[in-house]
Protein backbone atom coordinates (compact mmCIF):
# COMPACT_ATOMS: atom_id res chain seq x y z
CA MET A 1 19.60 1.43 -5.20
CA SER A 2 16.12 0.29 -5.88
CA ARG A 3 15.91 -3.36 -6.95
CA VAL A 4 13.45 -6.08 -8.01
CA ASN A 5 14.09 -9.78 -8.36
CA THR A 6 13.56 -11.14 -11.73
CA VAL A 7 14.29 -14.80 -12.81
CA LEU A 8 17.41 -13.56 -14.66
CA GLY A 9 18.62 -11.61 -11.64
CA PRO A 10 17.88 -8.38 -9.63
CA ILE A 11 17.39 -5.26 -11.77
CA PRO A 12 16.68 -1.63 -10.82
CA ALA A 13 13.10 -0.86 -10.41
CA GLU A 14 13.58 2.00 -13.02
CA GLU A 15 14.12 -0.60 -15.71
CA LEU A 16 10.95 -2.44 -15.47
CA GLY A 17 8.97 -0.35 -17.86
CA VAL A 18 5.30 -1.14 -18.37
CA VAL A 19 4.41 -3.88 -15.87
CA ALA A 20 1.73 -6.51 -16.14
CA VAL A 21 1.52 -7.16 -12.51
CA HIS A 22 -0.78 -9.98 -12.10
CA GLU A 23 -0.32 -12.68 -14.89
CA HIS A 24 0.30 -16.40 -15.60
CA ILE A 25 2.93 -18.06 -17.92
CA GLY A 26 0.85 -21.38 -17.33
CA TYR A 27 -1.50 -22.09 -14.58
CA GLY A 28 -3.07 -25.45 -13.66
CA MET A 29 -4.32 -27.07 -10.58
CA PRO A 30 -2.36 -29.70 -8.69
CA GLY A 31 -2.70 -33.03 -10.50
CA SER A 32 -3.72 -31.40 -13.68
CA GLU A 33 -0.58 -32.85 -15.38
CA LEU A 34 -2.50 -36.32 -15.36
CA ASP A 35 -5.26 -34.96 -17.58
CA THR A 36 -4.12 -36.21 -20.98
CA LYS A 37 -6.81 -33.94 -22.86
CA TRP A 38 -5.47 -30.60 -21.63
CA TRP A 39 -1.95 -31.00 -20.42
CA LYS A 40 0.61 -29.76 -22.78
CA THR A 41 4.08 -30.78 -23.79
CA PRO A 42 6.84 -28.23 -23.34
CA GLU A 43 7.01 -27.63 -27.05
CA GLN A 44 3.24 -26.76 -27.01
CA ARG A 45 3.54 -24.39 -24.24
CA TYR A 46 6.50 -22.59 -25.95
CA GLU A 47 4.62 -22.31 -29.14
CA GLU A 48 1.73 -20.69 -27.43
CA THR A 49 3.69 -18.44 -25.01
CA VAL A 50 6.56 -16.93 -26.94
CA PRO A 51 4.44 -14.93 -29.50
CA LYS A 52 2.26 -13.48 -26.75
CA LEU A 53 5.41 -12.33 -24.77
CA ARG A 54 7.11 -11.02 -28.16
CA LYS A 55 4.00 -9.15 -28.83
CA PHE A 56 3.86 -7.71 -25.24
CA ARG A 57 7.42 -6.55 -25.91
CA GLU A 58 6.69 -5.06 -29.20
CA TYR A 59 3.90 -3.02 -27.65
CA GLY A 60 6.24 -1.59 -25.08
CA GLY A 61 5.81 -3.99 -22.39
CA GLY A 62 8.81 -4.55 -20.00
CA THR A 63 7.87 -6.81 -17.14
CA PHE A 64 5.50 -9.73 -16.71
CA VAL A 65 4.83 -10.63 -13.09
CA ASP A 66 3.92 -14.52 -12.89
CA VAL A 67 1.92 -15.09 -9.82
CA THR A 68 1.32 -18.97 -10.41
CA GLY A 69 2.79 -20.08 -7.09
CA ILE A 70 3.86 -23.36 -5.79
CA CYS A 71 1.91 -26.46 -6.79
CA ASN A 72 0.34 -24.73 -9.89
CA GLY A 73 2.90 -25.24 -12.60
CA ARG A 74 5.47 -22.80 -11.59
CA ASP A 75 8.65 -23.71 -13.79
CA ILE A 76 11.44 -21.22 -13.22
CA ASP A 77 13.93 -22.63 -15.76
CA TYR A 78 11.26 -22.26 -18.35
CA TYR A 79 10.72 -18.72 -17.38
CA LYS A 80 14.42 -17.99 -17.67
CA SER A 81 14.53 -19.27 -21.16
CA LEU A 82 11.35 -17.27 -22.17
CA SER A 83 12.82 -14.03 -20.58
CA ALA A 84 16.08 -14.53 -22.51
CA LYS A 85 14.26 -15.30 -25.70
CA THR A 86 11.76 -12.53 -25.61
CA GLY A 87 13.60 -9.75 -23.74
CA VAL A 88 10.69 -9.52 -21.24
CA HIS A 89 11.78 -9.25 -17.61
CA ILE A 90 9.84 -12.13 -15.73
CA VAL A 91 9.26 -11.79 -11.98
CA ALA A 92 8.43 -15.11 -10.30
CA CYS A 93 6.61 -15.67 -6.98
CA THR A 94 6.74 -17.72 -3.92
CA GLY A 95 3.62 -18.62 -2.01
CA PHE A 96 0.40 -20.18 -3.07
CA VAL A 97 -2.66 -19.02 -5.06
CA GLY A 98 -4.79 -20.12 -2.20
CA GLY A 99 -4.89 -22.72 0.53
CA ASP A 100 -6.96 -24.93 -1.64
CA THR A 101 -4.22 -25.32 -4.23
CA ALA A 102 -1.58 -26.38 -1.66
CA LEU A 103 -0.65 -30.05 -1.79
CA PRO A 104 -1.17 -32.01 1.39
CA PHE A 105 2.46 -31.70 2.29
CA PHE A 106 2.04 -27.94 2.61
CA GLU A 107 -1.37 -28.13 4.03
CA ARG A 108 -0.03 -29.69 7.13
CA ALA A 109 2.85 -27.34 7.49
CA GLY A 110 3.00 -24.70 10.29
CA VAL A 111 3.62 -20.91 10.04
CA ASP A 112 7.25 -21.28 10.85
CA TYR A 113 7.85 -23.88 8.12
CA LEU A 114 6.03 -21.88 5.56
CA THR A 115 7.93 -18.71 6.43
CA ARG A 116 11.18 -20.48 6.16
CA GLN A 117 10.13 -21.76 2.72
CA PHE A 118 9.10 -18.34 1.52
CA VAL A 119 12.12 -16.52 2.82
CA HIS A 120 14.50 -19.19 1.25
CA GLU A 121 12.97 -18.81 -2.13
CA ILE A 122 13.25 -15.07 -1.88
CA THR A 123 16.81 -14.78 -0.59
CA VAL A 124 18.51 -17.99 -1.70
CA GLY A 125 16.54 -19.20 -4.67
CA ILE A 126 13.80 -21.34 -5.99
CA GLY A 127 14.94 -25.10 -6.14
CA ASP A 128 18.29 -25.11 -7.82
CA THR A 129 17.49 -22.54 -10.47
CA GLY A 130 19.47 -19.63 -8.66
CA SER A 131 16.48 -17.45 -9.40
CA LYS A 132 14.89 -15.64 -6.38
CA ALA A 133 11.14 -14.80 -6.03
CA GLY A 134 10.20 -11.15 -6.35
CA VAL A 135 6.59 -11.33 -4.81
CA ILE A 136 4.80 -13.58 -2.43
CA LYS A 137 1.28 -14.96 -3.52
CA VAL A 138 -1.53 -15.69 -1.11
CA GLY A 139 -5.11 -16.15 -1.63
CA VAL A 140 -8.46 -16.85 -0.28
CA SER A 141 -9.82 -20.39 -1.00
CA ARG A 142 -13.09 -21.48 -2.67
CA GLY A 143 -16.01 -20.61 -0.63
CA GLY A 144 -15.31 -16.95 -0.11
CA ARG A 145 -14.05 -17.08 3.35
CA MET A 146 -10.51 -17.44 4.55
CA THR A 147 -9.78 -21.02 5.93
CA GLU A 148 -7.49 -21.72 8.70
CA LEU A 149 -4.76 -22.73 6.10
CA ASP A 150 -5.28 -19.52 4.32
CA LYS A 151 -4.65 -17.62 7.56
CA ARG A 152 -1.41 -19.65 8.19
CA ILE A 153 -0.22 -18.91 4.67
CA TYR A 154 -1.07 -15.26 5.08
CA ARG A 155 0.82 -14.93 8.33
CA ALA A 156 3.92 -16.73 7.06
CA ALA A 157 3.89 -14.40 4.05
CA ALA A 158 3.54 -11.42 6.24
CA ARG A 159 6.56 -12.52 8.30
CA ALA A 160 8.55 -13.30 5.08
CA ALA A 161 7.64 -9.89 3.54
CA VAL A 162 8.86 -8.07 6.79
CA THR A 163 12.01 -10.08 6.81
CA THR A 164 12.99 -9.77 3.12
CA GLY A 165 11.14 -6.55 2.04
CA VAL A 166 9.36 -8.02 -0.98
CA PRO A 167 5.68 -7.32 -1.41
CA ILE A 168 2.59 -9.70 -1.13
CA LEU A 169 -0.13 -9.99 -3.99
CA THR A 170 -3.35 -11.66 -3.18
CA HIS A 171 -5.87 -13.62 -5.09
CA LEU A 172 -9.19 -12.19 -4.24
CA ALA A 173 -9.86 -9.41 -1.72
CA ILE A 174 -13.02 -10.93 -0.26
CA ASP A 175 -13.30 -11.50 3.50
CA PRO A 176 -10.29 -9.20 4.01
CA GLU A 177 -10.86 -8.31 7.67
CA PRO A 178 -8.77 -11.47 8.89
CA ALA A 179 -6.04 -10.64 6.29
CA VAL A 180 -5.78 -7.05 7.43
CA ALA A 181 -5.61 -8.32 11.16
CA VAL A 182 -2.84 -10.73 10.29
CA PHE A 183 -0.75 -8.01 8.44
CA GLU A 184 -1.20 -5.60 11.28
CA GLU A 185 -0.28 -8.11 13.92
CA GLU A 186 2.87 -8.94 11.95
CA GLY A 187 3.91 -5.28 11.44
CA LEU A 188 3.47 -5.29 7.59
CA PRO A 189 2.46 -1.97 6.17
CA LEU A 190 -0.52 -2.46 4.00
CA ASP A 191 1.08 -0.52 1.13
CA ARG A 192 3.18 -3.77 0.72
CA VAL A 193 0.10 -5.65 -0.09
CA LEU A 194 -1.76 -5.64 -3.50
CA PHE A 195 -5.36 -7.04 -2.84
CA GLY A 196 -6.15 -8.53 -6.06
CA HIS A 197 -9.24 -9.25 -8.24
CA ALA A 198 -11.20 -6.23 -6.96
CA ASP A 199 -12.85 -5.99 -10.39
CA ASP A 200 -13.92 -9.59 -11.23
CA GLY A 201 -17.49 -10.35 -12.19
CA VAL A 202 -18.16 -12.69 -9.15
CA ASN A 203 -16.47 -10.89 -6.10
CA ALA A 204 -16.50 -7.16 -7.09
CA ASP A 205 -19.56 -6.49 -4.93
CA SER A 206 -18.07 -8.22 -2.06
CA THR A 207 -14.62 -6.38 -2.15
CA PRO A 208 -14.38 -3.34 -0.05
CA ALA A 209 -11.85 -1.57 -2.31
CA ALA A 210 -12.11 1.88 -0.83
CA TRP A 211 -11.97 0.60 2.66
CA LEU A 212 -8.77 -1.34 1.89
CA ALA A 213 -7.26 1.68 0.10
CA GLY A 214 -8.25 3.91 2.78
CA LEU A 215 -6.13 1.81 5.19
CA GLY A 216 -3.20 1.98 2.86
CA GLY A 217 -3.56 -1.19 0.87
CA ARG A 218 -3.01 -1.35 -2.81
CA ILE A 219 -5.86 -2.45 -5.01
CA GLY A 220 -5.67 -4.74 -8.12
CA PHE A 221 -8.10 -4.19 -10.93
CA ASP A 222 -6.49 -7.11 -12.59
CA THR A 223 -8.94 -9.12 -14.56
CA PHE A 224 -9.41 -6.71 -17.47
CA GLY A 225 -10.34 -8.59 -20.52
CA TYR A 226 -12.58 -11.15 -18.90
CA GLU A 227 -15.75 -9.74 -20.54
CA THR A 228 -19.31 -11.00 -21.12
CA GLU A 229 -18.60 -9.97 -24.72
CA LEU A 230 -16.01 -12.87 -25.30
CA GLU A 231 -17.30 -15.74 -27.51
CA ASP A 232 -17.14 -18.08 -24.65
CA PRO A 233 -16.85 -15.95 -21.34
CA PRO A 234 -15.78 -17.53 -18.05
CA PHE A 235 -18.03 -17.45 -15.09
CA TRP A 236 -16.06 -14.55 -13.61
CA ALA A 237 -16.61 -12.40 -16.71
CA ARG A 238 -18.14 -8.94 -16.58
CA PRO A 239 -19.35 -6.41 -19.15
CA ARG A 240 -16.59 -4.38 -20.51
CA GLN A 241 -17.96 -0.87 -19.78
CA GLU A 242 -19.15 -1.83 -16.35
CA ARG A 243 -15.63 -2.94 -15.19
CA LEU A 244 -14.06 0.16 -16.86
CA ASP A 245 -16.69 2.41 -14.98
CA HIS A 246 -15.92 0.54 -11.72
CA PHE A 247 -12.27 1.29 -12.18
CA LEU A 248 -12.77 5.03 -13.18
CA ASP A 249 -14.88 5.44 -10.17
CA PHE A 250 -12.17 4.11 -7.88
CA VAL A 251 -9.57 6.30 -9.22
CA GLY A 252 -11.92 9.31 -9.26
CA LYS A 253 -12.32 8.92 -5.53
CA GLY A 254 -8.67 9.94 -5.10
CA PHE A 255 -7.07 6.31 -5.03
CA LEU A 256 -4.99 6.64 -8.19
CA ASP A 257 -1.78 6.08 -6.00
CA LYS A 258 -3.25 2.67 -4.80
CA ALA A 259 -4.50 1.35 -8.02
CA LEU A 260 -2.64 -1.19 -10.30
CA VAL A 261 -4.01 -2.84 -13.49
CA SER A 262 -3.35 -6.20 -15.21
CA ALA A 263 -5.26 -8.88 -17.25
CA ASP A 264 -4.68 -12.11 -15.19
CA ALA A 265 -4.22 -13.81 -18.49
CA ASN A 266 -2.84 -17.44 -18.97
CA CYS A 267 -0.11 -17.73 -21.71
CA SER A 268 -0.52 -21.43 -21.90
CA PRO A 269 -3.16 -23.10 -19.53
CA LEU A 270 -2.30 -26.30 -18.16
CA GLY A 271 -4.90 -29.01 -17.42
CA TRP A 272 -7.74 -26.85 -18.57
CA PRO A 273 -8.79 -25.11 -21.89
CA GLY A 274 -8.25 -21.54 -20.75
CA VAL A 275 -10.28 -18.59 -22.03
CA LYS A 276 -10.00 -17.94 -25.89
CA GLY A 277 -9.48 -14.49 -26.91
CA HIS A 278 -7.86 -13.22 -23.94
CA THR A 279 -4.07 -12.62 -23.36
CA VAL A 280 -1.83 -10.19 -21.51
CA ASN A 281 -1.76 -7.83 -24.46
CA TYR A 282 -5.47 -6.76 -23.70
CA LEU A 283 -3.60 -4.19 -21.69
CA PHE A 284 -2.25 -2.40 -24.83
CA GLU A 285 -4.88 -3.37 -27.35
CA ASP A 286 -8.01 -2.44 -25.27
CA LEU A 287 -7.37 -1.20 -21.88
CA ILE A 288 -5.05 1.68 -22.70
CA PRO A 289 -7.22 2.89 -25.68
CA ASP A 290 -10.37 2.68 -23.19
CA LEU A 291 -8.50 4.77 -20.61
CA ARG A 292 -7.58 7.40 -23.12
CA GLY A 293 -11.15 7.37 -24.35
CA ALA A 294 -12.25 8.01 -20.95
CA GLY A 295 -10.11 11.18 -20.62
CA LEU A 296 -6.99 9.85 -18.66
CA ASP A 297 -3.81 11.72 -19.65
CA GLU A 298 -0.61 9.95 -20.41
CA PRO A 299 1.03 10.76 -17.19
CA THR A 300 -1.93 8.98 -15.29
CA ILE A 301 -1.66 5.95 -17.56
CA ARG A 302 2.13 5.83 -17.08
CA LYS A 303 1.52 5.92 -13.24
CA LEU A 304 -0.83 2.98 -13.49
CA LEU A 305 1.44 0.77 -15.44
CA GLU A 306 4.78 1.96 -14.67
CA ASP A 307 5.17 4.11 -11.47
CA ASN A 308 2.89 2.40 -9.21
CA PRO A 309 4.03 -1.21 -10.07
CA ALA A 310 7.52 -0.14 -9.69
CA ASP A 311 7.01 1.27 -6.40
CA PHE A 312 5.16 -1.69 -5.25
CA LEU A 313 7.78 -4.35 -6.44
CA THR A 314 10.78 -2.53 -5.16
CA ILE A 315 12.35 -4.56 -2.40
CA ARG A 316 12.20 -2.58 0.91
CA ASP A 317 15.46 -3.13 2.81
């Protein structure tokens, strides 16, 4: 039977429903808990997050994949309470957003240690929570080139993915040649990798999405909603129609099976103000109407938001 690890236990992939495949319950950089201006109490985080997840559920959302990673505010017991409270399945990750978010302890770790860490969190559990990770997060550090630490993390993630059958999801898909080489050397099929942020306003032109998809990789158009039309747009924002056209062009080239969409929203930012006016519910409130307006039919939309992510998240024994 197909299954996916959620924080409340494994479920059949068929029960995931609509999936937001690249999101954050609460994300902050290491040390951000020391910032007295922006760090929030558990009560404040809960007050911000629950209404967004409840609205997601009301709209028809089924599963929220949190890709916050080690060292960035991941809180599994909190995720369990949110899932029980709202009825939204939450998939947690092991791994790191990027080498530049790893604390020095992990920065000094070798591939074997990192592999064991990832496998343990997938097969035994994260800390003493009893919850098992359902995806592995990796990423390209600031500067636009994979660092040596990034490459060690990618290799450890590949080995853990081969061992456990869970997929890998990346932060950015720039400088992808070293990543592809690592995955191929470790025997990981590229359809087990979702190369993320192919659509953001900074890195889209540097992301060879068609090349990666042609090799078998999955492509994440997962910063929907970060638009220049926002009142205070972030530096990675992009005009709404430009992003939509980019995505439609990719799908129109025959890569529908390789495409996944998400908003990369932050329910309750930790240690920074976040982006006002942007939530996971952009998927329902704006993206789906835009896709319908562009002529995509309901089976195609269902494939993007249900079938493709279910296939991706399913543990491959």
